[in-house]
Amino acid sequence: DPIRTVRALSAAVNVQDDNGVLFGNWGKELSDYAGGTHPLKWVGSLAIIQKYY
């Protein structure tokens, strides 16, 4: 069931509600990501997911 699959994946990454590994930040400026990495600067998420999940 694709709907259940997508919901499970969303829960795995959503930190606000589901204790996931990603915190949503929709800032427009690089400075909006203090203490983090602007999405355009990401080179991959595998290491992050393996470390925290």
Protein backbone atom coordinates (compact mmCIF):
# COMPACT_ATOMS: atom_id res chain seq x y z
CA ASP A 1 0.00 0.00 0.00
CA PRO A 2 1.82 3.16 -1.16
CA ILE A 3 -0.06 5.48 1.19
CA ARG A 4 0.96 3.52 4.28
CA THR A 5 4.53 3.33 3.00
CA VAL A 6 4.81 7.09 2.52
CA ARG A 7 3.26 7.76 5.92
CA ALA A 8 5.73 5.40 7.60
CA LEU A 9 8.67 7.07 5.85
CA SER A 10 7.39 10.52 6.82
CA ALA A 11 7.11 9.45 10.44
CA ALA A 12 10.67 8.10 10.38
CA VAL A 13 12.10 11.48 9.37
CA ASN A 14 9.73 13.94 11.07
CA VAL A 15 11.32 15.08 14.32
CA GLN A 16 8.47 17.33 15.51
CA ASP A 17 5.79 14.68 15.94
CA ASP A 18 7.45 11.32 15.56
CA ASN A 19 10.94 11.53 17.12
CA GLY A 20 12.52 11.34 13.67
CA VAL A 21 15.87 12.58 12.39
CA LEU A 22 15.05 15.72 10.38
CA PHE A 23 13.82 19.07 11.65
CA GLY A 24 11.87 21.15 9.14
CA ASN A 25 13.27 24.61 8.44
CA TRP A 26 12.00 26.58 5.48
CA GLY A 27 14.26 29.61 5.88
CA LYS A 28 15.28 31.48 2.76
CA GLU A 29 18.70 32.71 3.86
CA LEU A 30 21.80 30.65 4.64
CA SER A 31 21.87 32.35 8.05
CA ASP A 32 18.47 30.80 8.83
CA TYR A 33 20.26 27.47 9.29
CA ALA A 34 22.54 28.33 12.21
CA GLY A 35 23.69 25.07 13.77
CA GLY A 36 22.61 23.13 10.70
CA THR A 37 23.13 22.78 6.97
CA HIS A 38 21.20 24.58 4.26
CA PRO A 39 19.48 21.93 2.08
CA LEU A 40 21.27 23.17 -1.06
CA LYS A 41 24.58 22.37 0.67
CA TRP A 42 23.71 18.76 1.52
CA VAL A 43 25.83 16.08 -0.08
CA GLY A 44 23.87 13.18 1.36
CA SER A 45 21.73 12.08 4.27
CA LEU A 46 22.79 8.46 4.74
CA ALA A 47 25.42 9.18 7.39
CA ILE A 48 22.99 11.39 9.34
CA ILE A 49 20.24 8.79 9.27
CA GLN A 50 22.62 5.99 10.27
CA LYS A 51 23.92 8.04 13.20
CA TYR A 52 20.58 9.10 14.66
CA TYR A 53 18.05 6.49 13.61
